[in-house]
C-alpha atoms as a PDB file:
ATOM      1  CA  MET A   1      -0.301   0.025   0.061  1.00  0.00           C
ATOM      2  CA  ASN A   2       1.049   3.693  -0.667  1.00  0.00           C
ATOM      3  CA  LEU A   3      -0.026   5.863   2.298  1.00  0.00           C
ATOM      4  CA  LYS A   4       1.209   8.991  -0.480  1.00  0.00           C
ATOM      5  CA  ASP A   5      -1.952   7.591  -2.305  1.00  0.00           C
ATOM      6  CA  ILE A   6      -4.504   7.976   0.380  1.00  0.00           C
ATOM      7  CA  LEU A   7      -4.182  11.619   1.528  1.00  0.00           C
ATOM      8  CA  ASN A   8      -6.895  12.487  -0.003  1.00  0.00           C
ATOM      9  CA  LEU A   9      -8.479  10.239   3.131  1.00  0.00           C
ATOM     10  CA  PHE A  10      -6.970  12.517   5.655  1.00  0.00           C
ATOM     11  CA  GLU A  11      -9.616  13.547   8.374  1.00  0.00           C
ATOM     12  CA  LYS A  12     -12.627  11.149   6.698  1.00  0.00           C
ATOM     13  CA  LYS A  13     -13.523   8.181   8.594  1.00  0.00           C
ATOM     14  CA  VAL A  14     -11.850   4.903   7.208  1.00  0.00           C
ATOM     15  CA  SER A  15     -12.195   1.323   8.177  1.00  0.00           C
ATOM     16  CA  VAL A  16      -8.689  -0.221   7.819  1.00  0.00           C
ATOM     17  CA  ILE A  17      -7.856  -4.063   7.845  1.00  0.00           C
ATOM     18  CA  ASP A  18      -3.981  -4.815   9.393  1.00  0.00           C
ATOM     19  CA  THR A  19      -2.202  -7.600   7.807  1.00  0.00           C
ATOM     20  CA  ASP A  20      -3.437  -9.912  10.700  1.00  0.00           C
ATOM     21  CA  ASN A  21      -7.087  -9.323   9.263  1.00  0.00           C
ATOM     22  CA  ASN A  22      -7.891  -7.315  12.348  1.00  0.00           C
ATOM     23  CA  LYS A  23     -10.401  -4.120  11.651  1.00  0.00           C
ATOM     24  CA  ARG A  24     -10.335  -0.834  13.026  1.00  0.00           C
ATOM     25  CA  VAL A  25     -12.658   2.120  12.158  1.00  0.00           C
ATOM     26  CA  GLY A  26     -11.740   5.588  12.855  1.00  0.00           C
ATOM     27  CA  TYR A  27     -10.662   8.902  11.703  1.00  0.00           C
ATOM     28  CA  PHE A  28      -7.368   9.369   9.780  1.00  0.00           C
ATOM     29  CA  MET A  29      -5.812  12.417  11.734  1.00  0.00           C
ATOM     30  CA  ASP A  30      -2.401  12.110  11.411  1.00  0.00           C
ATOM     31  CA  TYR A  31       0.374  10.728   9.075  1.00  0.00           C
ATOM     32  CA  THR A  32       4.848  10.650   9.210  1.00  0.00           C
ATOM     33  CA  THR A  33       6.268  10.533   5.736  1.00  0.00           C
ATOM     34  CA  ALA A  34       8.590   8.046   5.345  1.00  0.00           C
ATOM     35  CA  LEU A  35      11.671  10.822   5.695  1.00  0.00           C
ATOM     36  CA  ASN A  36      10.693  12.228   9.105  1.00  0.00           C
ATOM     37  CA  ASN A  37      10.155   8.283  10.439  1.00  0.00           C
ATOM     38  CA  PRO A  38      12.761   6.746  11.826  1.00  0.00           C
ATOM     39  CA  GLU A  39      11.877   3.569  10.461  1.00  0.00           C
ATOM     40  CA  GLY A  40      11.681   4.732   6.740  1.00  0.00           C
ATOM     41  CA  GLU A  41       8.441   4.084   6.086  1.00  0.00           C
ATOM     42  CA  TRP A  42       5.273   6.098   6.348  1.00  0.00           C
ATOM     43  CA  SER A  43       2.819   5.776   8.986  1.00  0.00           C
ATOM     44  CA  ILE A  44      -0.572   6.825   9.857  1.00  0.00           C
ATOM     45  CA  GLU A  45      -3.017   7.155  13.080  1.00  0.00           C
ATOM     46  CA  ILE A  46      -6.177   6.180  12.999  1.00  0.00           C
ATOM     47  CA  TYR A  47      -8.507   7.481  15.859  1.00  0.00           C
ATOM     48  CA  PRO A  48     -12.315   6.493  17.338  1.00  0.00           C
ATOM     49  CA  SER A  49     -13.058   9.934  17.296  1.00  0.00           C
ATOM     50  CA  LYS A  50     -12.354  13.628  15.894  1.00  0.00           C
ATOM     51  CA  THR A  51     -11.754  14.608  19.743  1.00  0.00           C
ATOM     52  CA  SER A  52     -10.223  11.542  21.282  1.00  0.00           C
ATOM     53  CA  SER A  53      -6.273  12.199  22.598  1.00  0.00           C
ATOM     54  CA  SER A  54      -5.110   8.835  21.630  1.00  0.00           C
ATOM     55  CA  GLY A  55      -5.541   6.004  18.655  1.00  0.00           C
ATOM     56  CA  TRP A  56      -3.589   3.728  16.644  1.00  0.00           C
ATOM     57  CA  GLY A  57      -1.095   3.584  15.186  1.00  0.00           C
ATOM     58  CA  TYR A  58      -0.104   1.774  11.789  1.00  0.00           C
ATOM     59  CA  PHE A  59       3.091   1.517   9.582  1.00  0.00           C
ATOM     60  CA  GLU A  60       2.388   1.184   5.606  1.00  0.00           C
ATOM     61  CA  SER A  61       3.480  -2.395   5.825  1.00  0.00           C
ATOM     62  CA  ASP A  62       0.874  -3.205   7.943  1.00  0.00           C
ATOM     63  CA  ILE A  63      -1.955  -2.057   6.154  1.00  0.00           C
ATOM     64  CA  LYS A  64      -4.012  -4.476   3.470  1.00  0.00           C
ATOM     65  CA  SER A  65      -6.823  -2.113   2.969  1.00  0.00           C
ATOM     66  CA  ILE A  66      -8.085   1.696   4.141  1.00  0.00           C
ATOM     67  CA  GLU A  67     -11.534   2.590   2.929  1.00  0.00           C
ATOM     68  CA  GLU A  68     -13.156   5.786   3.383  1.00  0.00           C
ATOM     69  CA  ILE A  69     -17.114   4.300   5.060  1.00  0.00           C
END
């Protein structure tokens, strides 16, 4: 998955399925580019609501699919 291609989903409600087939639903509220990430790959943050202070982080290699809902 190339996360540069999903930036149009920023701040929208999404469904994420990871490589272990776990599904999470939340808002795509933050991301880190590969250049700014010590691990060298894109990562995103999904929050249960737009006002949540914590959520779930995913590296690009951990995402099987992501779609707007």
